[in-house]
Every structure is written in structure tokens, then in C-alpha cells.
Amino acid sequence: MFKQYIVLLLTLSTLLFSASVHSNFFDDVSQAYIPTDVNEIIVGDGTAPIIEIEAHTPLPLGVAVILTSSYPSSLTLAQGQSLGSALAEKGWNVLISPLSLPIEKMAITSIGTNSSSSNTNSNDTAAASIDKNRMASDDMNESNMATEGLHPRSSLLFNNLDFQQATTNLAIHLNALNNHLQSRPGYRLYIAQGMSAASYLSAIQIQPDLQPDSFIAVSPFWPETLINSRIIKNIAKSSYPILDISIEGLSEWELNTAPERKKRSKNELKLHYRQVKIPRNLLTFSINKNQKNPHIQSVANSTIGWTRYLGW
């Protein structure tokens, strides 16, 4: 009886802690910047901060949206800021959007399932559309299969992450970003790394109206075999241009699918696809304190080269 009480107490503590972390995440992001540097968008029944950087040229190419999160191996907020500054110098208006991730199976907190009547109709419609599309999506079906039971060789470090819920929440978040950018002219370029990139590819599958003009997938992966292999199909079947950047040493999950992503895209005759490999440990030395992160600089250079290949 005493052991059961302890287990129950620990479970309740985990639930309360996860909810607290989720509710405070966006507040922490906002407090890291000067109030005038942070804007907000309405996402479901709450708000999310966004950081915008204006292009350094008189005629911007469009908007580059950089998704950052607390996912392992995803772009951090600092990396997003550095990447955004590099793209702004080349003529892009940049929007950095932090995501409140990861989502835990034990304490799922959906941003869009309990929307109040005061929310915008567009977000309510998006949530209903996502739920409807999710039921018919192959991605979600495979996600359910993957999460029903834990394989003995599965990683215990990531088995508490809910891919289905994370993808649904990201789709709602993308819809909010789309509403915010409705009046912005030019191209729409989205950039995500690691597990955020994997979620993005599936989120666009269940909401095709949100397809970008191009997507930069930086080492996309998910630490579960079925979901990770699904990334190969999502890239090959996509109808929008994709730059597939593979960073050596970032994740074994990503390296396992990199050759197949390239091969499958070629066999599917996918237009406007390119895979670029970047060394993880780039040796640089500079006494300049403003020297950019070499990893981020390589991503920025590859992105600019890709957009120029597209004729932008």
C-alpha cells in the first residue's frame, strides 16, 4: 500500500511539473529579450512569442521562418538568432518561432484542443481540420503503432515523447504563423532541425494548405524506427522544394536515413531536391568575438546557395 502511494505521488508530481514547465516556457523566452523585440501570436487558447528581424536590403526576398525548440538536437534560440542574422544580411525578413517542446505522453498539454470562444475562428477551424485529417493520415497510423508498445531495444531516453501530439500541436502552431504572415509579400522559407524537422514534415502532410515555398530540413530524425523511416517517404513525396542538410555526428538516427532519403527522392523523380553534408566539428580560429558559429554559418551558406539555385 505504501509503495502504491509513493508511485501515485511521483506521478502527480510529474504531471504538475510538466504543466508548470509548459506554462512558463514562453514567459521565459519573452523575458530573455527586450519587450520591443518580441511580438506575440495567438496559438489555440494561448499566445506564443516570436522574434522578428528585418532584412538588411531595401527589397526583401520574403520571410524565413526558423523553428527553434527544446527538442534534443533541434535549433536552440541562440542558434536561431545567429542563423536569422545571417539570412537577414542576404535580404530575408526573419521570424524566429520558439516551440514549447517536447511533448510527454504522461502529461500531454495540447495547445489547440480546448480552445475557448474568445479565440479566432481560424485557429478553431484549424484544430478541427487537423483532428479530421489526422485520423486518415498514414503518419499518424504509424505513430500509433510505434507508441503502443516499447520495443526491448528502444531508447529509454526518448520513449516518453509523443510524436502524434507533438505533430498536431505543431500544425496548429504553423497555422497561427500562417495567419500572422498573410500580409507579408515574397517567398515563405521554413527551417527546422532534428526532431522539429521530422514533426514539421508530418505536420505539412496533415495540413497541405500550409506548404512552404521551400523547406530546409537540417538533420531530420525521430528516435523511433517506424517514425524515423517515415521521414524518407515524407521528403520523397513532398511537392515543395527541400534542401536536405545532413550534419555528420549530430544524430545516428539521422545518419541511418540520409542515404535512403537521397536515393528515394531520386527514384521518385522529386523536383528541386538537394542533399548537403556538413562536418559536425568545423575547426576555426578567430580573435574576433563576433565570429559566427561555423555550424550555423554553414547552414546559412547552404540555404543561400539553395535559394539562388531556385532563382530567388
Foldseek 3Di string as FASTA:
>chain_A
DVVVVVVVVVLVVVQVVLVVCLVCVQVVVCVVDDVVQWDWFDFAARIHIKGKDAAPDPAAQFEEEEEAEPPALKQHPVLLVLLCVLVSPVRHIYIYTYDYDDAFQSHGDARHPDGDPPDDPQLVVQLVLLVVLLVVDPLNVLLCVQLPDDDPPADPVANRGRLSRRLSRVLSVLSRVCVVCVPIDHFYEYEMEEQVLLSVLVNCVSVVVSDGQEYEYALYADRTVSSRLVSLVSLLPDQHAYEAEYEPPSDPSSVVCVVSSVVSNVVSVHPRYYYHYHYNDDDDDDPDPPDGDPVSVVSSVVVVVSVVVVVD
